[in-house]
Amino acid sequence: MLGVIVFLASFLFLFISTLLFPGVPPGSLLVDFFGNSETNILLAGISGDLLVSALINGLCWSVIVTVVYLFWKGPDKKKKDIPVWVPGYAKSHNSRD
């Protein structure tokens, strides 16, 4: 659950930072490579190419940040209790009567 929060927080941060500083790779490189010079789409005063670049940067870098966070956090160390049936031990709380 905490990994999802890290992903969403890093996505929003990187999306907004790309809108403020448009030259951040890999989004700007991919948009320039596949760019279509005939499109003049504006959404809320922001060009469509910049929005696509921000989405690409947000997704790519957020996946990297989340994977690094999950690797750093490590596996869950909680002990998991498994109910065990012991035959012939009638006073056990999990024995079959």
N, C-alpha and C. Protein backbone atom coordinates (compact mmCIF):
# COMPACT_ATOMS: atom_id res chain seq x y z
N MET A 1 0.82 -1.19 0.00
CA MET A 1 0.00 0.00 0.00
C MET A 1 0.87 1.26 0.00
N LEU A 2 1.96 1.20 0.74
CA LEU A 2 2.84 2.35 0.79
C LEU A 2 3.54 2.57 -0.55
N GLY A 3 3.76 1.49 -1.30
CA GLY A 3 4.35 1.61 -2.63
C GLY A 3 3.45 2.39 -3.58
N VAL A 4 2.15 2.23 -3.45
CA VAL A 4 1.20 2.97 -4.28
C VAL A 4 1.25 4.46 -3.95
N ILE A 5 1.35 4.77 -2.66
CA ILE A 5 1.44 6.17 -2.26
C ILE A 5 2.73 6.80 -2.76
N VAL A 6 3.83 6.06 -2.69
CA VAL A 6 5.11 6.55 -3.21
C VAL A 6 5.00 6.78 -4.71
N PHE A 7 4.36 5.85 -5.43
CA PHE A 7 4.21 6.00 -6.87
C PHE A 7 3.38 7.24 -7.21
N LEU A 8 2.24 7.41 -6.56
CA LEU A 8 1.37 8.55 -6.85
C LEU A 8 2.04 9.88 -6.50
N ALA A 9 2.71 9.93 -5.36
CA ALA A 9 3.38 11.18 -4.97
C ALA A 9 4.51 11.52 -5.93
N SER A 10 5.30 10.54 -6.32
CA SER A 10 6.39 10.82 -7.25
C SER A 10 5.85 11.15 -8.64
N PHE A 11 4.75 10.51 -9.05
CA PHE A 11 4.16 10.82 -10.35
C PHE A 11 3.69 12.27 -10.39
N LEU A 12 2.96 12.71 -9.36
CA LEU A 12 2.48 14.09 -9.34
C LEU A 12 3.63 15.09 -9.30
N PHE A 13 4.64 14.80 -8.49
CA PHE A 13 5.80 15.69 -8.41
C PHE A 13 6.51 15.79 -9.76
N LEU A 14 6.75 14.66 -10.40
CA LEU A 14 7.47 14.67 -11.67
C LEU A 14 6.62 15.23 -12.81
N PHE A 15 5.32 15.00 -12.77
CA PHE A 15 4.42 15.56 -13.79
C PHE A 15 4.44 17.09 -13.72
N ILE A 16 4.30 17.62 -12.50
CA ILE A 16 4.28 19.08 -12.34
C ILE A 16 5.65 19.69 -12.64
N SER A 17 6.72 19.01 -12.21
CA SER A 17 8.05 19.54 -12.49
C SER A 17 8.36 19.53 -13.98
N THR A 18 7.83 18.56 -14.73
CA THR A 18 8.03 18.55 -16.18
C THR A 18 7.24 19.67 -16.84
N LEU A 19 6.09 20.00 -16.29
CA LEU A 19 5.34 21.13 -16.84
C LEU A 19 6.09 22.44 -16.61
N LEU A 20 6.82 22.54 -15.50
CA LEU A 20 7.58 23.75 -15.21
C LEU A 20 8.92 23.80 -15.96
N PHE A 21 9.57 22.63 -16.09
CA PHE A 21 10.86 22.52 -16.78
C PHE A 21 10.73 21.49 -17.89
N PRO A 22 10.35 21.89 -19.10
CA PRO A 22 9.99 20.94 -20.16
C PRO A 22 11.14 20.13 -20.76
N GLY A 23 12.36 20.41 -20.46
CA GLY A 23 13.46 19.72 -21.12
C GLY A 23 13.91 18.44 -20.45
N VAL A 24 13.15 17.91 -19.50
CA VAL A 24 13.57 16.73 -18.75
C VAL A 24 13.42 15.47 -19.61
N PRO A 25 14.49 14.67 -19.75
CA PRO A 25 14.37 13.43 -20.52
C PRO A 25 13.69 12.37 -19.68
N PRO A 26 13.14 11.34 -20.22
CA PRO A 26 13.07 10.89 -21.60
C PRO A 26 11.86 11.43 -22.35
N GLY A 27 10.97 12.13 -21.65
CA GLY A 27 9.75 12.62 -22.29
C GLY A 27 10.02 13.58 -23.43
N SER A 28 10.90 14.53 -23.22
CA SER A 28 11.19 15.51 -24.26
C SER A 28 11.85 14.86 -25.46
N LEU A 29 12.71 13.88 -25.22
CA LEU A 29 13.37 13.18 -26.33
C LEU A 29 12.37 12.37 -27.16
N LEU A 30 11.45 11.67 -26.49
CA LEU A 30 10.46 10.87 -27.21
C LEU A 30 9.47 11.74 -27.97
N VAL A 31 9.05 12.84 -27.38
CA VAL A 31 8.12 13.74 -28.06
C VAL A 31 8.79 14.38 -29.28
N ASP A 32 10.06 14.76 -29.14
CA ASP A 32 10.79 15.32 -30.29
C ASP A 32 10.99 14.28 -31.38
N PHE A 33 11.26 13.04 -30.98
CA PHE A 33 11.49 11.99 -31.96
C PHE A 33 10.21 11.64 -32.73
N PHE A 34 9.10 11.49 -32.00
CA PHE A 34 7.83 11.14 -32.62
C PHE A 34 6.94 12.35 -32.85
N GLY A 35 7.47 13.54 -32.68
CA GLY A 35 6.68 14.76 -32.74
C GLY A 35 6.01 14.98 -34.09
N ASN A 36 4.82 15.54 -34.02
CA ASN A 36 4.07 15.88 -35.21
C ASN A 36 3.96 17.41 -35.24
N SER A 37 4.58 18.03 -36.22
CA SER A 37 4.63 19.49 -36.26
C SER A 37 3.29 20.11 -36.66
N GLU A 38 2.33 19.31 -37.08
CA GLU A 38 1.05 19.84 -37.53
C GLU A 38 0.04 19.99 -36.40
N THR A 39 0.34 19.47 -35.23
CA THR A 39 -0.62 19.56 -34.12
C THR A 39 -0.39 20.84 -33.33
N ASN A 40 -1.47 21.53 -33.06
CA ASN A 40 -1.44 22.75 -32.24
C ASN A 40 -2.47 22.64 -31.13
N ILE A 41 -2.54 21.51 -30.47
CA ILE A 41 -3.53 21.28 -29.44
C ILE A 41 -3.11 22.01 -28.16
N LEU A 42 -4.04 22.77 -27.59
CA LEU A 42 -3.81 23.42 -26.31
C LEU A 42 -4.88 22.97 -25.33
N LEU A 43 -4.46 22.49 -24.20
CA LEU A 43 -5.38 22.13 -23.12
C LEU A 43 -5.04 22.99 -21.91
N ALA A 44 -5.95 23.85 -21.53
CA ALA A 44 -5.76 24.79 -20.42
C ALA A 44 -4.51 25.64 -20.64
N GLY A 45 -4.23 25.99 -21.87
CA GLY A 45 -3.10 26.84 -22.19
C GLY A 45 -1.76 26.12 -22.26
N ILE A 46 -1.78 24.78 -22.14
CA ILE A 46 -0.55 23.99 -22.19
C ILE A 46 -0.59 23.15 -23.47
N SER A 47 0.53 23.11 -24.19
CA SER A 47 0.56 22.37 -25.44
C SER A 47 0.41 20.88 -25.20
N GLY A 48 -0.15 20.21 -26.19
CA GLY A 48 -0.35 18.76 -26.10
C GLY A 48 0.97 18.01 -26.01
N ASP A 49 1.99 18.50 -26.73
CA ASP A 49 3.30 17.85 -26.67
C ASP A 49 3.89 17.92 -25.26
N LEU A 50 3.71 19.03 -24.59
CA LEU A 50 4.23 19.17 -23.23
C LEU A 50 3.47 18.26 -22.26
N LEU A 51 2.17 18.10 -22.45
CA LEU A 51 1.40 17.20 -21.59
C LEU A 51 1.82 15.75 -21.80
N VAL A 52 2.04 15.36 -23.06
CA VAL A 52 2.50 13.99 -23.34
C VAL A 52 3.88 13.77 -22.74
N SER A 53 4.76 14.75 -22.88
CA SER A 53 6.09 14.66 -22.29
C SER A 53 6.01 14.53 -20.77
N ALA A 54 5.13 15.29 -20.14
CA ALA A 54 4.96 15.22 -18.69
C ALA A 54 4.42 13.86 -18.26
N LEU A 55 3.49 13.30 -19.02
CA LEU A 55 2.96 11.96 -18.70
C LEU A 55 4.05 10.90 -18.83
N ILE A 56 4.83 10.97 -19.89
CA ILE A 56 5.91 10.00 -20.09
C ILE A 56 6.92 10.09 -18.95
N ASN A 57 7.33 11.31 -18.61
CA ASN A 57 8.29 11.49 -17.52
C ASN A 57 7.72 11.02 -16.19
N GLY A 58 6.46 11.36 -15.94
CA GLY A 58 5.83 10.95 -14.69
C GLY A 58 5.79 9.44 -14.55
N LEU A 59 5.41 8.74 -15.61
CA LEU A 59 5.33 7.28 -15.55
C LEU A 59 6.70 6.63 -15.45
N CYS A 60 7.62 7.03 -16.31
CA CYS A 60 8.96 6.40 -16.32
C CYS A 60 9.69 6.60 -15.01
N TRP A 61 9.81 7.85 -14.58
CA TRP A 61 10.58 8.12 -13.37
C TRP A 61 9.86 7.63 -12.11
N SER A 62 8.54 7.62 -12.11
CA SER A 62 7.81 7.12 -10.93
C SER A 62 7.98 5.62 -10.77
N VAL A 63 8.01 4.90 -11.87
CA VAL A 63 8.27 3.45 -11.79
C VAL A 63 9.67 3.22 -11.22
N ILE A 64 10.65 3.98 -11.68
CA ILE A 64 12.01 3.83 -11.18
C ILE A 64 12.09 4.16 -9.69
N VAL A 65 11.47 5.26 -9.28
CA VAL A 65 11.48 5.65 -7.87
C VAL A 65 10.79 4.60 -7.01
N THR A 66 9.66 4.05 -7.48
CA THR A 66 8.93 3.05 -6.70
C THR A 66 9.72 1.75 -6.59
N VAL A 67 10.36 1.32 -7.65
CA VAL A 67 11.16 0.09 -7.60
C VAL A 67 12.34 0.27 -6.64
N VAL A 68 12.99 1.42 -6.69
CA VAL A 68 14.10 1.68 -5.76
C VAL A 68 13.60 1.72 -4.33
N TYR A 69 12.45 2.34 -4.09
CA TYR A 69 11.88 2.39 -2.74
C TYR A 69 11.55 0.98 -2.24
N LEU A 70 10.91 0.17 -3.07
CA LEU A 70 10.54 -1.17 -2.64
C LEU A 70 11.77 -2.05 -2.42
N PHE A 71 12.81 -1.85 -3.22
CA PHE A 71 14.05 -2.59 -3.01
C PHE A 71 14.71 -2.16 -1.71
N TRP A 72 14.70 -0.86 -1.43
CA TRP A 72 15.30 -0.33 -0.21
C TRP A 72 14.52 -0.79 1.02
N LYS A 73 13.20 -0.83 0.92
CA LYS A 73 12.37 -1.24 2.05
C LYS A 73 12.56 -2.71 2.37
N GLY A 74 12.71 -3.54 1.37
CA GLY A 74 12.91 -4.97 1.58
C GLY A 74 11.60 -5.69 1.79
N PRO A 75 11.67 -7.00 1.97
CA PRO A 75 10.45 -7.79 2.16
C PRO A 75 9.82 -7.54 3.52
N ASP A 76 8.57 -7.93 3.63
CA ASP A 76 7.84 -7.78 4.88
C ASP A 76 8.39 -8.77 5.90
N LYS A 77 8.76 -8.28 7.06
CA LYS A 77 9.41 -9.12 8.06
C LYS A 77 8.46 -9.60 9.16
N LYS A 78 7.17 -9.41 8.97
CA LYS A 78 6.21 -9.83 9.99
C LYS A 78 6.14 -11.35 10.03
N LYS A 79 6.05 -11.88 11.24
CA LYS A 79 5.90 -13.32 11.40
C LYS A 79 4.44 -13.68 11.17
N LYS A 80 4.22 -14.65 10.34
CA LYS A 80 2.86 -15.08 10.04
C LYS A 80 2.59 -16.38 10.78
N ASP A 81 1.55 -16.38 11.60
CA ASP A 81 1.18 -17.58 12.34
C ASP A 81 0.30 -18.46 11.47
N ILE A 82 0.68 -19.72 11.37
CA ILE A 82 -0.10 -20.68 10.60
C ILE A 82 -0.70 -21.66 11.59
N PRO A 83 -2.02 -21.83 11.57
CA PRO A 83 -2.63 -22.79 12.51
C PRO A 83 -2.19 -24.22 12.18
N VAL A 84 -1.80 -24.94 13.22
CA VAL A 84 -1.31 -26.30 13.03
C VAL A 84 -2.18 -27.24 13.85
N TRP A 85 -2.62 -28.31 13.22
CA TRP A 85 -3.40 -29.32 13.92
C TRP A 85 -2.46 -30.42 14.39
N VAL A 86 -2.48 -30.66 15.69
CA VAL A 86 -1.64 -31.71 16.27
C VAL A 86 -2.55 -32.85 16.67
N PRO A 87 -2.44 -34.00 16.01
CA PRO A 87 -3.33 -35.12 16.35
C PRO A 87 -3.05 -35.64 17.76
N GLY A 88 -4.12 -35.94 18.48
CA GLY A 88 -4.00 -36.50 19.82
C GLY A 88 -3.78 -35.49 20.91
N TYR A 89 -3.70 -34.22 20.58
CA TYR A 89 -3.51 -33.20 21.58
C TYR A 89 -4.81 -32.43 21.68
N ALA A 90 -5.74 -32.91 22.51
CA ALA A 90 -7.10 -32.42 22.56
C ALA A 90 -7.23 -31.05 23.19
N LYS A 91 -6.30 -30.61 23.98
CA LYS A 91 -6.43 -29.32 24.64
C LYS A 91 -5.89 -28.17 23.79
N SER A 92 -5.43 -28.47 22.62
CA SER A 92 -4.92 -27.43 21.73
C SER A 92 -6.08 -26.60 21.24
N HIS A 93 -5.91 -25.29 21.14
CA HIS A 93 -6.99 -24.41 20.71
C HIS A 93 -7.35 -24.62 19.23
N ASN A 94 -6.50 -25.29 18.50
CA ASN A 94 -6.80 -25.53 17.11
C ASN A 94 -6.89 -27.00 16.79
N SER A 95 -7.17 -27.81 17.79
CA SER A 95 -7.29 -29.25 17.55
C SER A 95 -8.68 -29.58 17.09
N ARG A 96 -8.78 -30.64 16.37
CA ARG A 96 -10.08 -31.09 15.87
C ARG A 96 -10.68 -32.04 16.89
N ASP A 97 -11.90 -31.73 17.34
CA ASP A 97 -12.56 -32.60 18.33
C ASP A 97 -13.47 -33.56 17.66
